[in-house]
Amino acid sequence: MSFNFGRIARHGVSAFVLICASATWATAEDVRIAAWNLHEGFTIESVAARKDELAEFGGSIRPDVLVLEEVVGGHVVEAAAAAMGLSGYHTACSDFTHPDQPDFGHFEVAVVSKYPITQVIEYDPTPDRDPTSAGPEELPILPLRKLGLAAPVEPAGLRGFLWVRIDALKLTVIGVHLKSSRGSDGEADKDNAERREFVAAAVAECVAQDRRLFPDYTCIVAGDFNVGHSDRKNGVDLRHDAYDLSGLNDGYDETHA
């Protein structure tokens, strides 16, 4: 089996990090994987207003696995999948904020899969899920103190990430939508950069765990990283902390983590 990747970045930066557990591939079929920042997927009505655009996307890309950002709730994800013509697909959506509101502060991350989804976990910096309610299992994102990495001073509104396991493909998918720089860089981007770093470091730990627990699986990190490869960096070397105002040197450059 081989994986084909694409990115759709009309309204944001979507990208992939691929970690292959093995270089040996079966030849059964290709699996098409894409990520798309849907851009203000607030309501079912806003999705319906873009039905032609979504139908064109579904028909041309024909994704088997799709990571979506800027969607407000599972109902919007299901409406978007239907508009794309992805009939019979399985969906999973984070629930970082609730109740769902058509607002920028309520964006979620989702995975849409042609193949059955085996397990879903939401990693949240501020876990608050009612265990009796519907939604994915929730785990906290904790500071990596052994690396000197502290939690952001203000974690409120910080999105975590969504982890999905698809056994039929021997695949784990991590969907992310990291904090925007809001057009700033350097020192002006420090706080948001540290928020990106905090989540990205947790993603790296999650991938390392997948490598141990599922050694014959492929791990994919996909979504909107909100940092482009050509953007000005806050640091110059991933091995050195860009900001040491706290007296800690965590070894990240506060941009890409």
C-alpha atoms as a PDB file:
ATOM      1  CA  MET A   1       0.000   0.000   0.000  1.00  0.00           C
ATOM      2  CA  SER A   2       1.303   3.455  -0.828  1.00  0.00           C
ATOM      3  CA  PHE A   3       0.209   6.853   0.442  1.00  0.00           C
ATOM      4  CA  ASN A   4      -0.279   9.865  -1.831  1.00  0.00           C
ATOM      5  CA  PHE A   5      -0.332  13.242  -0.140  1.00  0.00           C
ATOM      6  CA  GLY A   6      -1.691  16.608  -1.141  1.00  0.00           C
ATOM      7  CA  ARG A   7      -2.296  19.945   0.439  1.00  0.00           C
ATOM      8  CA  ILE A   8      -4.924  22.564  -0.220  1.00  0.00           C
ATOM      9  CA  ALA A   9      -3.935  25.973   1.065  1.00  0.00           C
ATOM     10  CA  ARG A  10      -6.389  28.443  -0.428  1.00  0.00           C
ATOM     11  CA  HIS A  11      -7.044  30.016   2.952  1.00  0.00           C
ATOM     12  CA  GLY A  12      -4.189  28.831   5.131  1.00  0.00           C
ATOM     13  CA  VAL A  13      -1.075  26.740   5.394  1.00  0.00           C
ATOM     14  CA  SER A  14      -1.723  23.016   5.260  1.00  0.00           C
ATOM     15  CA  ALA A  15       1.147  20.597   5.417  1.00  0.00           C
ATOM     16  CA  PHE A  16       2.225  17.069   6.229  1.00  0.00           C
ATOM     17  CA  VAL A  17       4.861  15.379   8.290  1.00  0.00           C
ATOM     18  CA  LEU A  18       5.147  11.706   7.340  1.00  0.00           C
ATOM     19  CA  ILE A  19       6.878   9.130   9.498  1.00  0.00           C
ATOM     20  CA  CYS A  20       7.098   5.682   7.943  1.00  0.00           C
ATOM     21  CA  ALA A  21       7.545   2.783  10.310  1.00  0.00           C
ATOM     22  CA  SER A  22       8.745   0.602   7.476  1.00  0.00           C
ATOM     23  CA  ALA A  23      10.095   1.114   3.985  1.00  0.00           C
ATOM     24  CA  THR A  24       8.281  -1.997   2.773  1.00  0.00           C
ATOM     25  CA  TRP A  25       4.954  -1.305   1.072  1.00  0.00           C
ATOM     26  CA  ALA A  26       2.257  -3.610  -0.179  1.00  0.00           C
ATOM     27  CA  THR A  27       1.079  -2.997  -3.728  1.00  0.00           C
ATOM     28  CA  ALA A  28      -2.663  -3.381  -3.160  1.00  0.00           C
ATOM     29  CA  GLU A  29      -3.809   0.197  -3.703  1.00  0.00           C
ATOM     30  CA  ASP A  30      -2.946   3.832  -3.306  1.00  0.00           C
ATOM     31  CA  VAL A  31      -4.409   5.820  -0.420  1.00  0.00           C
ATOM     32  CA  ARG A  32      -4.998   9.501  -1.098  1.00  0.00           C
ATOM     33  CA  ILE A  33      -4.571  11.770   1.926  1.00  0.00           C
ATOM     34  CA  ALA A  34      -5.226  15.520   1.979  1.00  0.00           C
ATOM     35  CA  ALA A  35      -5.555  18.397   4.432  1.00  0.00           C
ATOM     36  CA  TRP A  36      -7.701  21.488   3.954  1.00  0.00           C
ATOM     37  CA  ASN A  37      -8.302  24.572   6.042  1.00  0.00           C
ATOM     38  CA  LEU A  38     -11.992  24.912   5.209  1.00  0.00           C
ATOM     39  CA  HIS A  39     -11.937  28.618   6.171  1.00  0.00           C
ATOM     40  CA  GLU A  40     -14.720  29.709   8.482  1.00  0.00           C
ATOM     41  CA  GLY A  41     -16.718  26.492   8.448  1.00  0.00           C
ATOM     42  CA  PHE A  42     -19.070  27.976  11.003  1.00  0.00           C
ATOM     43  CA  THR A  43     -22.441  26.409  10.198  1.00  0.00           C
ATOM     44  CA  ILE A  44     -24.232  23.896   7.998  1.00  0.00           C
ATOM     45  CA  GLU A  45     -25.661  26.870   6.112  1.00  0.00           C
ATOM     46  CA  SER A  46     -22.203  28.290   5.369  1.00  0.00           C
ATOM     47  CA  VAL A  47     -21.163  24.884   4.043  1.00  0.00           C
ATOM     48  CA  ALA A  48     -24.287  24.674   1.863  1.00  0.00           C
ATOM     49  CA  ALA A  49     -23.470  28.094   0.376  1.00  0.00           C
ATOM     50  CA  ARG A  50     -20.169  26.631  -0.881  1.00  0.00           C
ATOM     51  CA  LYS A  51     -21.558  23.350  -2.166  1.00  0.00           C
ATOM     52  CA  ASP A  52     -20.141  23.811  -5.670  1.00  0.00           C
ATOM     53  CA  GLU A  53     -16.637  24.494  -4.334  1.00  0.00           C
ATOM     54  CA  LEU A  54     -16.779  21.496  -2.004  1.00  0.00           C
ATOM     55  CA  ALA A  55     -18.162  19.225  -4.718  1.00  0.00           C
ATOM     56  CA  GLU A  56     -15.340  20.280  -7.034  1.00  0.00           C
ATOM     57  CA  PHE A  57     -12.793  19.535  -4.322  1.00  0.00           C
ATOM     58  CA  GLY A  58     -14.235  16.109  -3.561  1.00  0.00           C
ATOM     59  CA  GLY A  59     -14.437  15.178  -7.223  1.00  0.00           C
ATOM     60  CA  SER A  60     -10.925  16.319  -8.120  1.00  0.00           C
ATOM     61  CA  ILE A  61      -8.982  15.301  -5.012  1.00  0.00           C
ATOM     62  CA  ARG A  62     -10.992  12.162  -4.142  1.00  0.00           C
ATOM     63  CA  PRO A  63      -9.383  11.833  -0.697  1.00  0.00           C
ATOM     64  CA  ASP A  64      -9.461   8.562   1.201  1.00  0.00           C
ATOM     65  CA  VAL A  65      -8.418  10.356   4.378  1.00  0.00           C
ATOM     66  CA  LEU A  66      -8.978  14.082   4.846  1.00  0.00           C
ATOM     67  CA  VAL A  67      -7.884  16.354   7.712  1.00  0.00           C
ATOM     68  CA  LEU A  68     -10.044  19.479   8.068  1.00  0.00           C
ATOM     69  CA  GLU A  69      -9.358  22.665  10.008  1.00  0.00           C
ATOM     70  CA  GLU A  70     -11.634  25.619  10.814  1.00  0.00           C
ATOM     71  CA  VAL A  71     -14.761  23.576  11.338  1.00  0.00           C
ATOM     72  CA  VAL A  72     -17.165  24.229  14.207  1.00  0.00           C
ATOM     73  CA  GLY A  73     -18.377  20.834  15.372  1.00  0.00           C
ATOM     74  CA  GLY A  74     -19.092  17.401  14.004  1.00  0.00           C
ATOM     75  CA  HIS A  75     -22.333  18.524  12.354  1.00  0.00           C
ATOM     76  CA  VAL A  76     -20.357  20.886  10.110  1.00  0.00           C
ATOM     77  CA  VAL A  77     -17.842  18.128   9.316  1.00  0.00           C
ATOM     78  CA  GLU A  78     -20.602  15.743   8.260  1.00  0.00           C
ATOM     79  CA  ALA A  79     -22.244  18.444   6.111  1.00  0.00           C
ATOM     80  CA  ALA A  80     -18.898  19.225   4.448  1.00  0.00           C
ATOM     81  CA  ALA A  81     -18.198  15.542   3.763  1.00  0.00           C
ATOM     82  CA  ALA A  82     -21.639  15.148   2.202  1.00  0.00           C
ATOM     83  CA  ALA A  83     -21.135  18.244   0.041  1.00  0.00           C
ATOM     84  CA  MET A  84     -17.830  16.778  -1.158  1.00  0.00           C
ATOM     85  CA  GLY A  85     -19.595  13.594  -2.212  1.00  0.00           C
ATOM     86  CA  LEU A  86     -17.805  11.507   0.417  1.00  0.00           C
ATOM     87  CA  SER A  87     -20.803   9.279   1.026  1.00  0.00           C
ATOM     88  CA  GLY A  88     -20.371   6.582   3.655  1.00  0.00           C
ATOM     89  CA  TYR A  89     -17.174   8.109   5.055  1.00  0.00           C
ATOM     90  CA  HIS A  90     -16.416   8.006   8.777  1.00  0.00           C
ATOM     91  CA  THR A  91     -15.801  11.223  10.704  1.00  0.00           C
ATOM     92  CA  ALA A  92     -14.115  12.257  13.935  1.00  0.00           C
ATOM     93  CA  CYS A  93     -14.034  15.790  15.348  1.00  0.00           C
ATOM     94  CA  SER A  94     -12.367  17.417  18.322  1.00  0.00           C
ATOM     95  CA  ASP A  95     -14.364  19.217  21.004  1.00  0.00           C
ATOM     96  CA  PHE A  96     -11.895  21.742  22.392  1.00  0.00           C
ATOM     97  CA  THR A  97     -14.638  24.279  23.106  1.00  0.00           C
ATOM     98  CA  HIS A  98     -18.321  23.751  23.803  1.00  0.00           C
ATOM     99  CA  PRO A  99     -21.066  24.401  23.167  1.00  0.00           C
ATOM    100  CA  ASP A 100     -20.313  24.906  19.480  1.00  0.00           C
ATOM    101  CA  GLN A 101     -20.647  28.531  18.399  1.00  0.00           C
ATOM    102  CA  PRO A 102     -20.118  30.107  14.938  1.00  0.00           C
ATOM    103  CA  ASP A 103     -17.027  31.964  16.075  1.00  0.00           C
ATOM    104  CA  PHE A 104     -13.259  31.948  15.476  1.00  0.00           C
ATOM    105  CA  GLY A 105     -12.682  30.861  19.068  1.00  0.00           C
ATOM    106  CA  HIS A 106     -14.614  27.627  18.484  1.00  0.00           C
ATOM    107  CA  PHE A 107     -12.672  26.090  15.627  1.00  0.00           C
ATOM    108  CA  GLU A 108     -12.121  22.342  15.775  1.00  0.00           C
ATOM    109  CA  VAL A 109      -9.984  19.820  13.882  1.00  0.00           C
ATOM    110  CA  ALA A 110     -11.501  16.800  12.136  1.00  0.00           C
ATOM    111  CA  VAL A 111     -10.603  13.649  10.235  1.00  0.00           C
ATOM    112  CA  VAL A 112     -12.805  12.211   7.494  1.00  0.00           C
ATOM    113  CA  SER A 113     -11.954   8.644   6.439  1.00  0.00           C
ATOM    114  CA  LYS A 114     -13.175   6.222   3.818  1.00  0.00           C
ATOM    115  CA  TYR A 115     -11.929   3.471   6.131  1.00  0.00           C
ATOM    116  CA  PRO A 116     -13.377   2.710   9.579  1.00  0.00           C
ATOM    117  CA  ILE A 117     -11.866   4.776  12.385  1.00  0.00           C
ATOM    118  CA  THR A 118     -10.637   2.480  15.138  1.00  0.00           C
ATOM    119  CA  GLN A 119      -9.874   4.954  17.917  1.00  0.00           C
ATOM    120  CA  VAL A 120     -10.055   8.700  18.531  1.00  0.00           C
ATOM    121  CA  ILE A 121      -8.309  10.754  21.243  1.00  0.00           C
ATOM    122  CA  GLU A 122      -8.434  14.515  21.695  1.00  0.00           C
ATOM    123  CA  TYR A 123      -5.346  16.028  23.308  1.00  0.00           C
ATOM    124  CA  ASP A 124      -6.411  19.255  25.014  1.00  0.00           C
ATOM    125  CA  PRO A 125      -4.338  21.837  26.947  1.00  0.00           C
ATOM    126  CA  THR A 126      -7.454  22.647  29.000  1.00  0.00           C
ATOM    127  CA  PRO A 127      -9.441  19.389  29.271  1.00  0.00           C
ATOM    128  CA  ASP A 128     -13.026  19.968  30.316  1.00  0.00           C
ATOM    129  CA  ARG A 129     -15.064  17.193  28.745  1.00  0.00           C
ATOM    130  CA  ASP A 130     -18.033  15.798  30.617  1.00  0.00           C
ATOM    131  CA  PRO A 131     -17.374  12.020  30.649  1.00  0.00           C
ATOM    132  CA  THR A 132     -21.099  11.380  30.239  1.00  0.00           C
ATOM    133  CA  SER A 133     -21.329  13.419  27.034  1.00  0.00           C
ATOM    134  CA  ALA A 134     -20.631  12.393  23.461  1.00  0.00           C
ATOM    135  CA  GLY A 135     -17.317  13.171  21.897  1.00  0.00           C
ATOM    136  CA  PRO A 136     -13.817  11.739  21.710  1.00  0.00           C
ATOM    137  CA  GLU A 137     -11.835  10.493  24.656  1.00  0.00           C
ATOM    138  CA  GLU A 138      -9.804  13.376  26.088  1.00  0.00           C
ATOM    139  CA  LEU A 139      -6.258  13.513  27.428  1.00  0.00           C
ATOM    140  CA  PRO A 140      -4.410  16.566  28.752  1.00  0.00           C
ATOM    141  CA  ILE A 141      -1.363  18.144  27.115  1.00  0.00           C
ATOM    142  CA  LEU A 142       1.206  18.444  29.871  1.00  0.00           C
ATOM    143  CA  PRO A 143       4.410  20.507  29.971  1.00  0.00           C
ATOM    144  CA  LEU A 144       7.541  18.537  29.075  1.00  0.00           C
ATOM    145  CA  ARG A 145       9.373  19.535  32.223  1.00  0.00           C
ATOM    146  CA  LYS A 146      12.294  17.176  31.566  1.00  0.00           C
ATOM    147  CA  LEU A 147      13.027  19.291  28.472  1.00  0.00           C
ATOM    148  CA  GLY A 148      12.489  22.535  30.348  1.00  0.00           C
ATOM    149  CA  LEU A 149       9.303  23.225  28.391  1.00  0.00           C
ATOM    150  CA  ALA A 150       6.710  25.118  30.391  1.00  0.00           C
ATOM    151  CA  ALA A 151       3.026  25.584  29.622  1.00  0.00           C
ATOM    152  CA  PRO A 152       2.021  28.895  28.013  1.00  0.00           C
ATOM    153  CA  VAL A 153       1.260  31.628  30.503  1.00  0.00           C
ATOM    154  CA  GLU A 154      -2.246  31.957  29.032  1.00  0.00           C
ATOM    155  CA  PRO A 155      -3.469  28.594  27.692  1.00  0.00           C
ATOM    156  CA  ALA A 156      -7.111  29.672  27.382  1.00  0.00           C
ATOM    157  CA  GLY A 157      -8.305  29.286  23.799  1.00  0.00           C
ATOM    158  CA  LEU A 158      -5.293  27.199  22.842  1.00  0.00           C
ATOM    159  CA  ARG A 159      -6.235  24.325  20.531  1.00  0.00           C
ATOM    160  CA  GLY A 160      -4.768  20.908  21.101  1.00  0.00           C
ATOM    161  CA  PHE A 161      -4.717  18.182  18.470  1.00  0.00           C
ATOM    162  CA  LEU A 162      -6.781  15.212  17.341  1.00  0.00           C
ATOM    163  CA  TRP A 163      -5.326  11.691  17.160  1.00  0.00           C
ATOM    164  CA  VAL A 164      -7.018   9.023  15.038  1.00  0.00           C
ATOM    165  CA  ARG A 165      -6.061   5.394  14.491  1.00  0.00           C
ATOM    166  CA  ILE A 166      -7.147   3.552  11.332  1.00  0.00           C
ATOM    167  CA  ASP A 167      -6.241  -0.109  11.676  1.00  0.00           C
ATOM    168  CA  ALA A 168      -7.395  -1.002   8.163  1.00  0.00           C
ATOM    169  CA  LEU A 169      -4.538   1.144   6.822  1.00  0.00           C
ATOM    170  CA  LYS A 170      -2.077   0.564   9.674  1.00  0.00           C
ATOM    171  CA  LEU A 171      -2.113   4.325  10.024  1.00  0.00           C
ATOM    172  CA  THR A 172      -2.270   6.939  12.769  1.00  0.00           C
ATOM    173  CA  VAL A 173      -3.236  10.511  11.880  1.00  0.00           C
ATOM    174  CA  ILE A 174      -2.670  13.621  13.980  1.00  0.00           C
ATOM    175  CA  GLY A 175      -4.689  16.657  12.912  1.00  0.00           C
ATOM    176  CA  VAL A 176      -3.391  20.048  14.034  1.00  0.00           C
ATOM    177  CA  HIS A 177      -4.305  23.705  13.747  1.00  0.00           C
ATOM    178  CA  LEU A 178      -1.538  25.592  15.516  1.00  0.00           C
ATOM    179  CA  LYS A 179      -1.881  29.127  16.847  1.00  0.00           C
ATOM    180  CA  SER A 180      -1.724  31.873  14.263  1.00  0.00           C
ATOM    181  CA  SER A 181       1.026  34.492  14.359  1.00  0.00           C
ATOM    182  CA  ARG A 182      -1.573  37.088  13.300  1.00  0.00           C
ATOM    183  CA  GLY A 183       0.898  38.490  10.793  1.00  0.00           C
ATOM    184  CA  SER A 184       3.654  39.092  13.347  1.00  0.00           C
ATOM    185  CA  ASP A 185       7.111  37.592  13.573  1.00  0.00           C
ATOM    186  CA  GLY A 186      10.161  37.780  15.801  1.00  0.00           C
ATOM    187  CA  GLU A 187       9.654  39.173  19.317  1.00  0.00           C
ATOM    188  CA  ALA A 188       6.110  40.341  18.464  1.00  0.00           C
ATOM    189  CA  ASP A 189       5.175  36.715  17.781  1.00  0.00           C
ATOM    190  CA  LYS A 190       6.725  35.372  20.976  1.00  0.00           C
ATOM    191  CA  ASP A 191       3.542  34.465  22.878  1.00  0.00           C
ATOM    192  CA  ASN A 192       1.818  32.773  19.959  1.00  0.00           C
ATOM    193  CA  ALA A 193       5.076  31.061  18.957  1.00  0.00           C
ATOM    194  CA  GLU A 194       5.331  29.569  22.437  1.00  0.00           C
ATOM    195  CA  ARG A 195       1.755  28.329  22.117  1.00  0.00           C
ATOM    196  CA  ARG A 196       2.626  26.634  18.822  1.00  0.00           C
ATOM    197  CA  GLU A 197       5.733  25.145  20.371  1.00  0.00           C
ATOM    198  CA  PHE A 198       3.812  23.763  23.348  1.00  0.00           C
ATOM    199  CA  VAL A 199       1.372  21.841  21.144  1.00  0.00           C
ATOM    200  CA  ALA A 200       3.986  20.807  18.562  1.00  0.00           C
ATOM    201  CA  ALA A 201       6.204  19.339  21.281  1.00  0.00           C
ATOM    202  CA  ALA A 202       3.244  17.276  22.531  1.00  0.00           C
ATOM    203  CA  VAL A 203       2.607  16.107  18.961  1.00  0.00           C
ATOM    204  CA  ALA A 204       6.225  14.966  18.700  1.00  0.00           C
ATOM    205  CA  GLU A 205       5.853  13.015  21.947  1.00  0.00           C
ATOM    206  CA  CYS A 206       2.650  11.438  20.649  1.00  0.00           C
ATOM    207  CA  VAL A 207       4.363  10.328  17.435  1.00  0.00           C
ATOM    208  CA  ALA A 208       7.253   8.851  19.424  1.00  0.00           C
ATOM    209  CA  GLN A 209       4.717   6.887  21.472  1.00  0.00           C
ATOM    210  CA  ASP A 210       3.014   5.645  18.302  1.00  0.00           C
ATOM    211  CA  ARG A 211       6.353   4.416  17.023  1.00  0.00           C
ATOM    212  CA  ARG A 212       6.717   2.322  20.179  1.00  0.00           C
ATOM    213  CA  LEU A 213       3.136   1.047  20.401  1.00  0.00           C
ATOM    214  CA  PHE A 214       2.454   0.553  16.675  1.00  0.00           C
ATOM    215  CA  PRO A 215       5.873  -0.186  15.145  1.00  0.00           C
ATOM    216  CA  ASP A 216       4.460  -1.354  11.807  1.00  0.00           C
ATOM    217  CA  TYR A 217       2.135   1.660  11.364  1.00  0.00           C
ATOM    218  CA  THR A 218       2.716   4.863   9.393  1.00  0.00           C
ATOM    219  CA  CYS A 219       2.288   8.083  11.374  1.00  0.00           C
ATOM    220  CA  ILE A 220       1.039  11.255   9.681  1.00  0.00           C
ATOM    221  CA  VAL A 221       0.870  14.762  11.144  1.00  0.00           C
ATOM    222  CA  ALA A 222      -1.271  17.001   8.941  1.00  0.00           C
ATOM    223  CA  GLY A 223      -3.087  20.288   9.123  1.00  0.00           C
ATOM    224  CA  ASP A 224      -2.542  24.018   9.438  1.00  0.00           C
ATOM    225  CA  PHE A 225       0.779  24.796  11.138  1.00  0.00           C
ATOM    226  CA  ASN A 226       0.365  28.550  10.655  1.00  0.00           C
ATOM    227  CA  VAL A 227       4.082  28.843   9.876  1.00  0.00           C
ATOM    228  CA  GLY A 228       5.411  28.662   6.337  1.00  0.00           C
ATOM    229  CA  HIS A 229       8.820  27.382   5.369  1.00  0.00           C
ATOM    230  CA  SER A 230       9.765  30.834   4.060  1.00  0.00           C
ATOM    231  CA  ASP A 231       8.512  32.775   7.109  1.00  0.00           C
ATOM    232  CA  ARG A 232      11.017  34.636   9.237  1.00  0.00           C
ATOM    233  CA  LYS A 233      12.128  32.422  12.102  1.00  0.00           C
ATOM    234  CA  ASN A 234      12.186  33.480  15.727  1.00  0.00           C
ATOM    235  CA  GLY A 235      15.278  31.356  16.229  1.00  0.00           C
ATOM    236  CA  VAL A 236      18.172  30.270  14.063  1.00  0.00           C
ATOM    237  CA  ASP A 237      18.836  26.774  15.339  1.00  0.00           C
ATOM    238  CA  LEU A 238      16.382  24.138  16.586  1.00  0.00           C
ATOM    239  CA  ARG A 239      18.954  23.109  19.176  1.00  0.00           C
ATOM    240  CA  HIS A 240      18.892  26.492  20.902  1.00  0.00           C
ATOM    241  CA  ASP A 241      16.028  28.250  22.644  1.00  0.00           C
ATOM    242  CA  ALA A 242      15.043  31.516  20.987  1.00  0.00           C
ATOM    243  CA  TYR A 243      13.729  33.000  24.241  1.00  0.00           C
ATOM    244  CA  ASP A 244      15.237  32.262  27.612  1.00  0.00           C
ATOM    245  CA  LEU A 245      13.397  34.940  29.602  1.00  0.00           C
ATOM    246  CA  SER A 246      12.103  32.286  31.991  1.00  0.00           C
ATOM    247  CA  GLY A 247      15.579  30.972  32.618  1.00  0.00           C
ATOM    248  CA  LEU A 248      14.701  27.730  30.893  1.00  0.00           C
ATOM    249  CA  ASN A 249      16.365  26.437  27.767  1.00  0.00           C
ATOM    250  CA  ASP A 250      14.088  23.850  26.214  1.00  0.00           C
ATOM    251  CA  GLY A 251      16.044  23.392  23.001  1.00  0.00           C
ATOM    252  CA  TYR A 252      13.326  24.660  20.635  1.00  0.00           C
ATOM    253  CA  ASP A 253      13.424  27.763  18.476  1.00  0.00           C
ATOM    254  CA  GLU A 254       9.834  28.813  19.210  1.00  0.00           C
ATOM    255  CA  THR A 255       8.834  28.708  15.544  1.00  0.00           C
ATOM    256  CA  HIS A 256       8.544  25.203  14.175  1.00  0.00           C
ATOM    257  CA  ALA A 257       9.316  23.302  17.392  1.00  0.00           C
END
